[in-house]
Amino acid sequence: MTTLQSRKKLLLAESELNRVHMVAEARLLRTDFRRASDRARSLGAMLGSGALLVAGWVARRRSPPAGATGKATWFQRLLKGVGLLATLWTAFGRSAREPAGSESAGRAP
């Protein structure tokens, strides 16, 4: 066997090792991305619930002053809108992204 042939075999072996290493890294990257997206979803749900609680607390705490015209301030409208969005988010957000019963379908831990 010539030196050129042995060098070619070594390069092929090195290429195969690099390919296996790249596949393993891609698998790890995919797993990390899934974990991060799951954390982001749970954080979004917590923030939505927190906004709903704050909006409810502020709405209950404020009572209209005596003799008020009944017109809501921009802040009250904002809080009411946040409360409505949080309610819709928690009610429809998860079901729109994942069909029922498929939370772990197709995922490898």
PDB file of N, CA and C in Angstrom:
ATOM      1  N   MET A   1       0.841  -1.168   0.000  1.00  0.00           N
ATOM      2  CA  MET A   1       0.000   0.000   0.000  1.00  0.00           C
ATOM      3  C   MET A   1       0.894   1.240   0.000  1.00  0.00           C
ATOM      4  N   THR A   2       0.565   2.155  -0.843  1.00  0.00           N
ATOM      5  CA  THR A   2       1.377   3.363  -0.953  1.00  0.00           C
ATOM      6  C   THR A   2       0.979   4.348   0.144  1.00  0.00           C
ATOM      7  N   THR A   3       1.816   5.322   0.344  1.00  0.00           N
ATOM      8  CA  THR A   3       1.523   6.351   1.343  1.00  0.00           C
ATOM      9  C   THR A   3       0.284   7.150   0.969  1.00  0.00           C
ATOM     10  N   LEU A   4       0.060   7.300  -0.312  1.00  0.00           N
ATOM     11  CA  LEU A   4      -1.117   8.038  -0.774  1.00  0.00           C
ATOM     12  C   LEU A   4      -2.403   7.271  -0.431  1.00  0.00           C
ATOM     13  N   GLN A   5      -2.376   5.965  -0.605  1.00  0.00           N
ATOM     14  CA  GLN A   5      -3.553   5.156  -0.271  1.00  0.00           C
ATOM     15  C   GLN A   5      -3.798   5.128   1.245  1.00  0.00           C
ATOM     16  N   SER A   6      -2.750   5.019   2.010  1.00  0.00           N
ATOM     17  CA  SER A   6      -2.921   5.010   3.470  1.00  0.00           C
ATOM     18  C   SER A   6      -3.421   6.366   3.964  1.00  0.00           C
ATOM     19  N   ARG A   7      -2.932   7.432   3.359  1.00  0.00           N
ATOM     20  CA  ARG A   7      -3.407   8.779   3.737  1.00  0.00           C
ATOM     21  C   ARG A   7      -4.887   8.939   3.388  1.00  0.00           C
ATOM     22  N   LYS A   8      -5.290   8.396   2.246  1.00  0.00           N
ATOM     23  CA  LYS A   8      -6.693   8.462   1.833  1.00  0.00           C
ATOM     24  C   LYS A   8      -7.575   7.716   2.834  1.00  0.00           C
ATOM     25  N   LYS A   9      -7.137   6.540   3.294  1.00  0.00           N
ATOM     26  CA  LYS A   9      -7.910   5.773   4.281  1.00  0.00           C
ATOM     27  C   LYS A   9      -8.016   6.519   5.603  1.00  0.00           C
ATOM     28  N   LEU A  10      -6.945   7.146   6.015  1.00  0.00           N
ATOM     29  CA  LEU A  10      -6.970   7.926   7.249  1.00  0.00           C
ATOM     30  C   LEU A  10      -7.931   9.116   7.137  1.00  0.00           C
ATOM     31  N   LEU A  11      -7.920   9.780   6.007  1.00  0.00           N
ATOM     32  CA  LEU A  11      -8.824  10.914   5.800  1.00  0.00           C
ATOM     33  C   LEU A  11     -10.287  10.458   5.790  1.00  0.00           C
ATOM     34  N   LEU A  12     -10.548   9.315   5.194  1.00  0.00           N
ATOM     35  CA  LEU A  12     -11.917   8.781   5.203  1.00  0.00           C
ATOM     36  C   LEU A  12     -12.368   8.430   6.617  1.00  0.00           C
ATOM     37  N   ALA A  13     -11.493   7.830   7.382  1.00  0.00           N
ATOM     38  CA  ALA A  13     -11.822   7.483   8.774  1.00  0.00           C
ATOM     39  C   ALA A  13     -12.066   8.746   9.603  1.00  0.00           C
ATOM     40  N   GLU A  14     -11.224   9.754   9.406  1.00  0.00           N
ATOM     41  CA  GLU A  14     -11.399  11.017  10.125  1.00  0.00           C
ATOM     42  C   GLU A  14     -12.714  11.687   9.737  1.00  0.00           C
ATOM     43  N   SER A  15     -13.055  11.632   8.466  1.00  0.00           N
ATOM     44  CA  SER A  15     -14.308  12.210   7.995  1.00  0.00           C
ATOM     45  C   SER A  15     -15.510  11.515   8.634  1.00  0.00           C
ATOM     46  N   GLU A  16     -15.440  10.197   8.745  1.00  0.00           N
ATOM     47  CA  GLU A  16     -16.535   9.445   9.367  1.00  0.00           C
ATOM     48  C   GLU A  16     -16.666   9.809  10.849  1.00  0.00           C
ATOM     49  N   LEU A  17     -15.540   9.951  11.543  1.00  0.00           N
ATOM     50  CA  LEU A  17     -15.576  10.370  12.948  1.00  0.00           C
ATOM     51  C   LEU A  17     -16.189  11.765  13.099  1.00  0.00           C
ATOM     52  N   ASN A  18     -15.810  12.664  12.207  1.00  0.00           N
ATOM     53  CA  ASN A  18     -16.372  14.020  12.252  1.00  0.00           C
ATOM     54  C   ASN A  18     -17.874  14.006  11.996  1.00  0.00           C
ATOM     55  N   ARG A  19     -18.323  13.149  11.082  1.00  0.00           N
ATOM     56  CA  ARG A  19     -19.755  13.049  10.797  1.00  0.00           C
ATOM     57  C   ARG A  19     -20.522  12.534  12.017  1.00  0.00           C
ATOM     58  N   VAL A  20     -20.004  11.510  12.671  1.00  0.00           N
ATOM     59  CA  VAL A  20     -20.649  10.964  13.864  1.00  0.00           C
ATOM     60  C   VAL A  20     -20.695  12.018  14.975  1.00  0.00           C
ATOM     61  N   HIS A  21     -19.607  12.747  15.130  1.00  0.00           N
ATOM     62  CA  HIS A  21     -19.550  13.802  16.144  1.00  0.00           C
ATOM     63  C   HIS A  21     -20.568  14.913  15.840  1.00  0.00           C
ATOM     64  N   MET A  22     -20.692  15.285  14.586  1.00  0.00           N
ATOM     65  CA  MET A  22     -21.647  16.328  14.203  1.00  0.00           C
ATOM     66  C   MET A  22     -23.091  15.877  14.458  1.00  0.00           C
ATOM     67  N   VAL A  23     -23.409  14.623  14.173  1.00  0.00           N
ATOM     68  CA  VAL A  23     -24.752  14.104  14.423  1.00  0.00           C
ATOM     69  C   VAL A  23     -25.058  14.131  15.920  1.00  0.00           C
ATOM     70  N   ALA A  24     -24.100  13.744  16.742  1.00  0.00           N
ATOM     71  CA  ALA A  24     -24.295  13.765  18.197  1.00  0.00           C
ATOM     72  C   ALA A  24     -24.507  15.188  18.698  1.00  0.00           C
ATOM     73  N   GLU A  25     -23.745  16.139  18.184  1.00  0.00           N
ATOM     74  CA  GLU A  25     -23.913  17.538  18.597  1.00  0.00           C
ATOM     75  C   GLU A  25     -25.259  18.097  18.150  1.00  0.00           C
ATOM     76  N   ALA A  26     -25.710  17.727  16.960  1.00  0.00           N
ATOM     77  CA  ALA A  26     -27.020  18.180  16.488  1.00  0.00           C
ATOM     78  C   ALA A  26     -28.129  17.633  17.376  1.00  0.00           C
ATOM     79  N   ARG A  27     -27.995  16.397  17.805  1.00  0.00           N
ATOM     80  CA  ARG A  27     -28.981  15.794  18.698  1.00  0.00           C
ATOM     81  C   ARG A  27     -29.023  16.540  20.040  1.00  0.00           C
ATOM     82  N   LEU A  28     -27.845  16.857  20.583  1.00  0.00           N
ATOM     83  CA  LEU A  28     -27.781  17.611  21.837  1.00  0.00           C
ATOM     84  C   LEU A  28     -28.382  19.012  21.678  1.00  0.00           C
ATOM     85  N   LEU A  29     -28.080  19.646  20.563  1.00  0.00           N
ATOM     86  CA  LEU A  29     -28.615  20.980  20.311  1.00  0.00           C
ATOM     87  C   LEU A  29     -30.137  20.944  20.219  1.00  0.00           C
ATOM     88  N   ARG A  30     -30.684  19.945  19.562  1.00  0.00           N
ATOM     89  CA  ARG A  30     -32.133  19.791  19.443  1.00  0.00           C
ATOM     90  C   ARG A  30     -32.766  19.599  20.823  1.00  0.00           C
ATOM     91  N   THR A  31     -32.141  18.780  21.667  1.00  0.00           N
ATOM     92  CA  THR A  31     -32.646  18.551  23.024  1.00  0.00           C
ATOM     93  C   THR A  31     -32.614  19.839  23.839  1.00  0.00           C
ATOM     94  N   ASP A  32     -31.516  20.583  23.759  1.00  0.00           N
ATOM     95  CA  ASP A  32     -31.414  21.842  24.492  1.00  0.00           C
ATOM     96  C   ASP A  32     -32.453  22.851  24.011  1.00  0.00           C
ATOM     97  N   PHE A  33     -32.684  22.901  22.717  1.00  0.00           N
ATOM     98  CA  PHE A  33     -33.683  23.823  22.181  1.00  0.00           C
ATOM     99  C   PHE A  33     -35.078  23.463  22.691  1.00  0.00           C
ATOM    100  N   ARG A  34     -35.399  22.177  22.731  1.00  0.00           N
ATOM    101  CA  ARG A  34     -36.707  21.759  23.242  1.00  0.00           C
ATOM    102  C   ARG A  34     -36.877  22.129  24.712  1.00  0.00           C
ATOM    103  N   ARG A  35     -35.828  21.922  25.494  1.00  0.00           N
ATOM    104  CA  ARG A  35     -35.903  22.289  26.913  1.00  0.00           C
ATOM    105  C   ARG A  35     -36.114  23.795  27.081  1.00  0.00           C
ATOM    106  N   ALA A  36     -35.385  24.575  26.310  1.00  0.00           N
ATOM    107  CA  ALA A  36     -35.529  26.035  26.410  1.00  0.00           C
ATOM    108  C   ALA A  36     -36.914  26.486  25.975  1.00  0.00           C
ATOM    109  N   SER A  37     -37.451  25.882  24.928  1.00  0.00           N
ATOM    110  CA  SER A  37     -38.787  26.279  24.479  1.00  0.00           C
ATOM    111  C   SER A  37     -39.853  25.854  25.491  1.00  0.00           C
ATOM    112  N   ASP A  38     -39.679  24.705  26.143  1.00  0.00           N
ATOM    113  CA  ASP A  38     -40.612  24.297  27.189  1.00  0.00           C
ATOM    114  C   ASP A  38     -40.575  25.264  28.363  1.00  0.00           C
ATOM    115  N   ARG A  39     -39.377  25.700  28.729  1.00  0.00           N
ATOM    116  CA  ARG A  39     -39.254  26.674  29.823  1.00  0.00           C
ATOM    117  C   ARG A  39     -39.898  28.009  29.446  1.00  0.00           C
ATOM    118  N   ALA A  40     -39.707  28.416  28.204  1.00  0.00           N
ATOM    119  CA  ALA A  40     -40.300  29.681  27.754  1.00  0.00           C
ATOM    120  C   ALA A  40     -41.827  29.589  27.783  1.00  0.00           C
ATOM    121  N   ARG A  41     -42.373  28.435  27.378  1.00  0.00           N
ATOM    122  CA  ARG A  41     -43.827  28.269  27.427  1.00  0.00           C
ATOM    123  C   ARG A  41     -44.349  28.333  28.856  1.00  0.00           C
ATOM    124  N   SER A  42     -43.667  27.657  29.773  1.00  0.00           N
ATOM    125  CA  SER A  42     -44.132  27.680  31.157  1.00  0.00           C
ATOM    126  C   SER A  42     -43.983  29.079  31.756  1.00  0.00           C
ATOM    127  N   LEU A  43     -42.916  29.781  31.382  1.00  0.00           N
ATOM    128  CA  LEU A  43     -42.757  31.155  31.859  1.00  0.00           C
ATOM    129  C   LEU A  43     -43.860  32.048  31.306  1.00  0.00           C
ATOM    130  N   GLY A  44     -44.202  31.864  30.031  1.00  0.00           N
ATOM    131  CA  GLY A  44     -45.287  32.647  29.438  1.00  0.00           C
ATOM    132  C   GLY A  44     -46.614  32.388  30.127  1.00  0.00           C
ATOM    133  N   ALA A  45     -46.869  31.139  30.497  1.00  0.00           N
ATOM    134  CA  ALA A  45     -48.098  30.814  31.203  1.00  0.00           C
ATOM    135  C   ALA A  45     -48.111  31.462  32.579  1.00  0.00           C
ATOM    136  N   MET A  46     -46.953  31.434  33.260  1.00  0.00           N
ATOM    137  CA  MET A  46     -46.888  32.063  34.585  1.00  0.00           C
ATOM    138  C   MET A  46     -47.068  33.572  34.483  1.00  0.00           C
ATOM    139  N   LEU A  47     -46.452  34.189  33.477  1.00  0.00           N
ATOM    140  CA  LEU A  47     -46.608  35.636  33.316  1.00  0.00           C
ATOM    141  C   LEU A  47     -48.052  36.001  32.985  1.00  0.00           C
ATOM    142  N   GLY A  48     -48.692  35.186  32.154  1.00  0.00           N
ATOM    143  CA  GLY A  48     -50.100  35.435  31.843  1.00  0.00           C
ATOM    144  C   GLY A  48     -50.979  35.325  33.075  1.00  0.00           C
ATOM    145  N   SER A  49     -50.726  34.310  33.890  1.00  0.00           N
ATOM    146  CA  SER A  49     -51.497  34.148  35.119  1.00  0.00           C
ATOM    147  C   SER A  49     -51.213  35.295  36.088  1.00  0.00           C
ATOM    148  N   GLY A  50     -49.946  35.691  36.158  1.00  0.00           N
ATOM    149  CA  GLY A  50     -49.594  36.811  37.040  1.00  0.00           C
ATOM    150  C   GLY A  50     -50.257  38.107  36.597  1.00  0.00           C
ATOM    151  N   ALA A  51     -50.286  38.359  35.303  1.00  0.00           N
ATOM    152  CA  ALA A  51     -50.944  39.566  34.800  1.00  0.00           C
ATOM    153  C   ALA A  51     -52.434  39.525  35.094  1.00  0.00           C
ATOM    154  N   LEU A  52     -53.022  38.350  34.976  1.00  0.00           N
ATOM    155  CA  LEU A  52     -54.437  38.195  35.293  1.00  0.00           C
ATOM    156  C   LEU A  52     -54.691  38.479  36.767  1.00  0.00           C
ATOM    157  N   LEU A  53     -53.836  37.975  37.642  1.00  0.00           N
ATOM    158  CA  LEU A  53     -53.998  38.224  39.075  1.00  0.00           C
ATOM    159  C   LEU A  53     -53.839  39.707  39.404  1.00  0.00           C
ATOM    160  N   VAL A  54     -52.836  40.339  38.818  1.00  0.00           N
ATOM    161  CA  VAL A  54     -52.614  41.771  39.082  1.00  0.00           C
ATOM    162  C   VAL A  54     -53.794  42.589  38.565  1.00  0.00           C
ATOM    163  N   ALA A  55     -54.273  42.272  37.386  1.00  0.00           N
ATOM    164  CA  ALA A  55     -55.404  43.015  36.835  1.00  0.00           C
ATOM    165  C   ALA A  55     -56.650  42.833  37.701  1.00  0.00           C
ATOM    166  N   GLY A  56     -56.883  41.612  38.157  1.00  0.00           N
ATOM    167  CA  GLY A  56     -58.026  41.372  39.039  1.00  0.00           C
ATOM    168  C   GLY A  56     -57.882  42.083  40.368  1.00  0.00           C
ATOM    169  N   TRP A  57     -56.674  42.055  40.934  1.00  0.00           N
ATOM    170  CA  TRP A  57     -56.440  42.704  42.219  1.00  0.00           C
ATOM    171  C   TRP A  57     -56.633  44.220  42.108  1.00  0.00           C
ATOM    172  N   VAL A  58     -56.094  44.809  41.050  1.00  0.00           N
ATOM    173  CA  VAL A  58     -56.227  46.253  40.864  1.00  0.00           C
ATOM    174  C   VAL A  58     -57.688  46.624  40.599  1.00  0.00           C
ATOM    175  N   ALA A  59     -58.378  45.818  39.817  1.00  0.00           N
ATOM    176  CA  ALA A  59     -59.778  46.114  39.520  1.00  0.00           C
ATOM    177  C   ALA A  59     -60.638  46.031  40.771  1.00  0.00           C
ATOM    178  N   ARG A  60     -60.371  45.080  41.638  1.00  0.00           N
ATOM    179  CA  ARG A  60     -61.149  44.962  42.878  1.00  0.00           C
ATOM    180  C   ARG A  60     -60.770  46.031  43.890  1.00  0.00           C
ATOM    181  N   ARG A  61     -59.514  46.407  43.896  1.00  0.00           N
ATOM    182  CA  ARG A  61     -59.058  47.389  44.864  1.00  0.00           C
ATOM    183  C   ARG A  61     -59.604  48.776  44.567  1.00  0.00           C
ATOM    184  N   ARG A  62     -59.705  49.082  43.299  1.00  0.00           N
ATOM    185  CA  ARG A  62     -60.207  50.405  42.920  1.00  0.00           C
ATOM    186  C   ARG A  62     -61.721  50.405  42.914  1.00  0.00           C
ATOM    187  N   SER A  63     -62.260  51.346  43.566  1.00  0.00           N
ATOM    188  CA  SER A  63     -63.705  51.536  43.488  1.00  0.00           C
ATOM    189  C   SER A  63     -63.938  52.907  42.883  1.00  0.00           C
ATOM    190  N   PRO A  64     -64.980  53.057  42.088  1.00  0.00           N
ATOM    191  CA  PRO A  64     -65.199  54.363  41.455  1.00  0.00           C
ATOM    192  C   PRO A  64     -65.479  55.439  42.506  1.00  0.00           C
ATOM    193  N   PRO A  65     -64.879  56.589  42.371  1.00  0.00           N
ATOM    194  CA  PRO A  65     -65.120  57.674  43.327  1.00  0.00           C
ATOM    195  C   PRO A  65     -66.572  58.159  43.245  1.00  0.00           C
ATOM    196  N   ALA A  66     -67.033  58.671  44.367  1.00  0.00           N
ATOM    197  CA  ALA A  66     -68.404  59.182  44.406  1.00  0.00           C
ATOM    198  C   ALA A  66     -68.547  60.344  43.433  1.00  0.00           C
ATOM    199  N   GLY A  67     -69.605  60.314  42.648  1.00  0.00           N
ATOM    200  CA  GLY A  67     -69.864  61.383  41.695  1.00  0.00           C
ATOM    201  C   GLY A  67     -69.044  61.260  40.419  1.00  0.00           C
ATOM    202  N   ALA A  68     -68.460  60.105  40.176  1.00  0.00           N
ATOM    203  CA  ALA A  68     -67.657  59.929  38.959  1.00  0.00           C
ATOM    204  C   ALA A  68     -68.571  59.837  37.742  1.00  0.00           C
ATOM    205  N   THR A  69     -68.037  60.195  36.611  1.00  0.00           N
ATOM    206  CA  THR A  69     -68.828  60.187  35.377  1.00  0.00           C
ATOM    207  C   THR A  69     -68.984  58.781  34.811  1.00  0.00           C
ATOM    208  N   GLY A  70     -68.241  57.815  35.340  1.00  0.00           N
ATOM    209  CA  GLY A  70     -68.339  56.452  34.840  1.00  0.00           C
ATOM    210  C   GLY A  70     -67.398  56.177  33.686  1.00  0.00           C
ATOM    211  N   LYS A  71     -66.609  57.152  33.309  1.00  0.00           N
ATOM    212  CA  LYS A  71     -65.671  56.980  32.214  1.00  0.00           C
ATOM    213  C   LYS A  71     -64.360  56.405  32.771  1.00  0.00           C
ATOM    214  N   ALA A  72     -63.895  55.306  32.191  1.00  0.00           N
ATOM    215  CA  ALA A  72     -62.683  54.649  32.668  1.00  0.00           C
ATOM    216  C   ALA A  72     -61.446  55.398  32.188  1.00  0.00           C
ATOM    217  N   THR A  73     -60.411  55.388  33.013  1.00  0.00           N
ATOM    218  CA  THR A  73     -59.146  56.003  32.618  1.00  0.00           C
ATOM    219  C   THR A  73     -58.414  55.056  31.665  1.00  0.00           C
ATOM    220  N   TRP A  74     -57.371  55.555  31.036  1.00  0.00           N
ATOM    221  CA  TRP A  74     -56.617  54.734  30.094  1.00  0.00           C
ATOM    222  C   TRP A  74     -55.949  53.565  30.813  1.00  0.00           C
ATOM    223  N   PHE A  75     -55.540  53.785  32.077  1.00  0.00           N
ATOM    224  CA  PHE A  75     -54.902  52.725  32.838  1.00  0.00           C
ATOM    225  C   PHE A  75     -55.895  51.609  33.164  1.00  0.00           C
ATOM    226  N   GLN A  76     -57.110  51.990  33.520  1.00  0.00           N
ATOM    227  CA  GLN A  76     -58.136  50.983  33.792  1.00  0.00           C
ATOM    228  C   GLN A  76     -58.457  50.183  32.531  1.00  0.00           C
ATOM    229  N   ARG A  77     -58.525  50.851  31.401  1.00  0.00           N
ATOM    230  CA  ARG A  77     -58.766  50.149  30.141  1.00  0.00           C
ATOM    231  C   ARG A  77     -57.619  49.198  29.810  1.00  0.00           C
ATOM    232  N   LEU A  78     -56.400  49.658  30.054  1.00  0.00           N
ATOM    233  CA  LEU A  78     -55.232  48.825  29.819  1.00  0.00           C
ATOM    234  C   LEU A  78     -55.273  47.576  30.692  1.00  0.00           C
ATOM    235  N   LEU A  79     -55.570  47.756  31.969  1.00  0.00           N
ATOM    236  CA  LEU A  79     -55.638  46.607  32.868  1.00  0.00           C
ATOM    237  C   LEU A  79     -56.762  45.649  32.473  1.00  0.00           C
ATOM    238  N   LYS A  80     -57.865  46.182  32.060  1.00  0.00           N
ATOM    239  CA  LYS A  80     -58.968  45.329  31.625  1.00  0.00           C
ATOM    240  C   LYS A  80     -58.567  44.541  30.375  1.00  0.00           C
ATOM    241  N   GLY A  81     -57.872  45.185  29.458  1.00  0.00           N
ATOM    242  CA  GLY A  81     -57.404  44.500  28.252  1.00  0.00           C
ATOM    243  C   GLY A  81     -56.377  43.423  28.566  1.00  0.00           C
ATOM    244  N   VAL A  82     -55.458  43.723  29.501  1.00  0.00           N
ATOM    245  CA  VAL A  82     -54.464  42.728  29.910  1.00  0.00           C
ATOM    246  C   VAL A  82     -55.154  41.537  30.557  1.00  0.00           C
ATOM    247  N   GLY A  83     -56.138  41.803  31.386  1.00  0.00           N
ATOM    248  CA  GLY A  83     -56.881  40.708  32.012  1.00  0.00           C
ATOM    249  C   GLY A  83     -57.594  39.846  30.982  1.00  0.00           C
ATOM    250  N   LEU A  84     -58.199  40.478  29.997  1.00  0.00           N
ATOM    251  CA  LEU A  84     -58.882  39.736  28.944  1.00  0.00           C
ATOM    252  C   LEU A  84     -57.893  38.909  28.126  1.00  0.00           C
ATOM    253  N   LEU A  85     -56.761  39.514  27.757  1.00  0.00           N
ATOM    254  CA  LEU A  85     -55.745  38.781  26.991  1.00  0.00           C
ATOM    255  C   LEU A  85     -55.168  37.621  27.790  1.00  0.00           C
ATOM    256  N   ALA A  86     -54.934  37.829  29.087  1.00  0.00           N
ATOM    257  CA  ALA A  86     -54.403  36.748  29.917  1.00  0.00           C
ATOM    258  C   ALA A  86     -55.397  35.604  30.013  1.00  0.00           C
ATOM    259  N   THR A  87     -56.668  35.925  30.142  1.00  0.00           N
ATOM    260  CA  THR A  87     -57.684  34.882  30.196  1.00  0.00           C
ATOM    261  C   THR A  87     -57.731  34.101  28.897  1.00  0.00           C
ATOM    262  N   LEU A  88     -57.718  34.797  27.780  1.00  0.00           N
ATOM    263  CA  LEU A  88     -57.728  34.116  26.488  1.00  0.00           C
ATOM    264  C   LEU A  88     -56.461  33.306  26.268  1.00  0.00           C
ATOM    265  N   TRP A  89     -55.330  33.844  26.691  1.00  0.00           N
ATOM    266  CA  TRP A  89     -54.056  33.149  26.523  1.00  0.00           C
ATOM    267  C   TRP A  89     -54.061  31.830  27.280  1.00  0.00           C
ATOM    268  N   THR A  90     -54.485  31.884  28.542  1.00  0.00           N
ATOM    269  CA  THR A  90     -54.464  30.657  29.331  1.00  0.00           C
ATOM    270  C   THR A  90     -55.527  29.676  28.855  1.00  0.00           C
ATOM    271  N   ALA A  91     -56.640  30.161  28.347  1.00  0.00           N
ATOM    272  CA  ALA A  91     -57.710  29.268  27.919  1.00  0.00           C
ATOM    273  C   ALA A  91     -57.420  28.620  26.572  1.00  0.00           C
ATOM    274  N   PHE A  92     -56.920  29.393  25.626  1.00  0.00           N
ATOM    275  CA  PHE A  92     -56.766  28.888  24.266  1.00  0.00           C
ATOM    276  C   PHE A  92     -55.319  28.697  23.828  1.00  0.00           C
ATOM    277  N   GLY A  93     -54.376  29.265  24.525  1.00  0.00           N
ATOM    278  CA  GLY A  93     -52.982  29.222  24.087  1.00  0.00           C
ATOM    279  C   GLY A  93     -52.423  27.828  23.980  1.00  0.00           C
ATOM    280  N   ARG A  94     -52.553  27.028  25.002  1.00  0.00           N
ATOM    281  CA  ARG A  94     -51.958  25.687  24.993  1.00  0.00           C
ATOM    282  C   ARG A  94     -52.698  24.769  24.031  1.00  0.00           C
ATOM    283  N   SER A  95     -54.013  24.869  23.980  1.00  0.00           N
ATOM    284  CA  SER A  95     -54.762  23.964  23.111  1.00  0.00           C
ATOM    285  C   SER A  95     -54.520  24.268  21.639  1.00  0.00           C
ATOM    286  N   ALA A  96     -54.194  25.494  21.307  1.00  0.00           N
ATOM    287  CA  ALA A  96     -53.931  25.843  19.908  1.00  0.00           C
ATOM    288  C   ALA A  96     -52.562  25.323  19.462  1.00  0.00           C
ATOM    289  N   ARG A  97     -51.608  25.268  20.388  1.00  0.00           N
ATOM    290  CA  ARG A  97     -50.265  24.824  20.026  1.00  0.00           C
ATOM    291  C   ARG A  97     -50.134  23.310  20.039  1.00  0.00           C
ATOM    292  N   GLU A  98     -50.795  22.637  20.987  1.00  0.00           N
ATOM    293  CA  GLU A  98     -50.653  21.194  21.105  1.00  0.00           C
ATOM    294  C   GLU A  98     -52.026  20.554  21.220  1.00  0.00           C
ATOM    295  N   PRO A  99     -52.338  19.632  20.327  1.00  0.00           N
ATOM    296  CA  PRO A  99     -53.602  18.922  20.446  1.00  0.00           C
ATOM    297  C   PRO A  99     -53.635  18.088  21.723  1.00  0.00           C
ATOM    298  N   ALA A 100     -54.809  17.833  22.233  1.00  0.00           N
ATOM    299  CA  ALA A 100     -54.973  17.083  23.468  1.00  0.00           C
ATOM    300  C   ALA A 100     -54.395  15.685  23.325  1.00  0.00           C
ATOM    301  N   GLY A 101     -53.666  15.243  24.363  1.00  0.00           N
ATOM    302  CA  GLY A 101     -53.134  13.892  24.364  1.00  0.00           C
ATOM    303  C   GLY A 101     -51.823  13.736  23.625  1.00  0.00           C
ATOM    304  N   SER A 102     -51.276  14.793  23.051  1.00  0.00           N
ATOM    305  CA  SER A 102     -50.019  14.653  22.285  1.00  0.00           C
ATOM    306  C   SER A 102     -48.887  15.438  22.928  1.00  0.00           C
ATOM    307  N   GLU A 103     -48.912  15.558  24.241  1.00  0.00           N
ATOM    308  CA  GLU A 103     -47.878  16.363  24.903  1.00  0.00           C
ATOM    309  C   GLU A 103     -46.498  15.740  24.780  1.00  0.00           C
ATOM    310  N   SER A 104     -46.418  14.409  24.776  1.00  0.00           N
ATOM    311  CA  SER A 104     -45.105  13.782  24.656  1.00  0.00           C
ATOM    312  C   SER A 104     -44.970  12.976  23.384  1.00  0.00           C
ATOM    313  N   ALA A 105     -45.898  13.096  22.487  1.00  0.00           N
ATOM    314  CA  ALA A 105     -45.838  12.316  21.246  1.00  0.00           C
ATOM    315  C   ALA A 105     -44.692  12.809  20.366  1.00  0.00           C
ATOM    316  N   GLY A 106     -43.891  11.880  19.906  1.00  0.00           N
ATOM    317  CA  GLY A 106     -42.831  12.234  18.981  1.00  0.00           C
ATOM    318  C   GLY A 106     -41.610  12.864  19.614  1.00  0.00           C
ATOM    319  N   ARG A 107     -41.545  12.905  20.947  1.00  0.00           N
ATOM    320  CA  ARG A 107     -40.411  13.511  21.610  1.00  0.00           C
ATOM    321  C   ARG A 107     -39.609  12.440  22.338  1.00  0.00           C
ATOM    322  N   ALA A 108     -38.333  12.522  22.178  1.00  0.00           N
ATOM    323  CA  ALA A 108     -37.452  11.640  22.923  1.00  0.00           C
ATOM    324  C   ALA A 108     -36.893  12.419  24.094  1.00  0.00           C
ATOM    325  N   PRO A 109     -36.894  11.860  25.308  1.00  0.00           N
ATOM    326  CA  PRO A 109     -36.379  12.615  26.476  1.00  0.00           C
ATOM    327  C   PRO A 109     -34.921  12.910  26.392  1.00  0.00           C
TER     328      PRO A 109
END
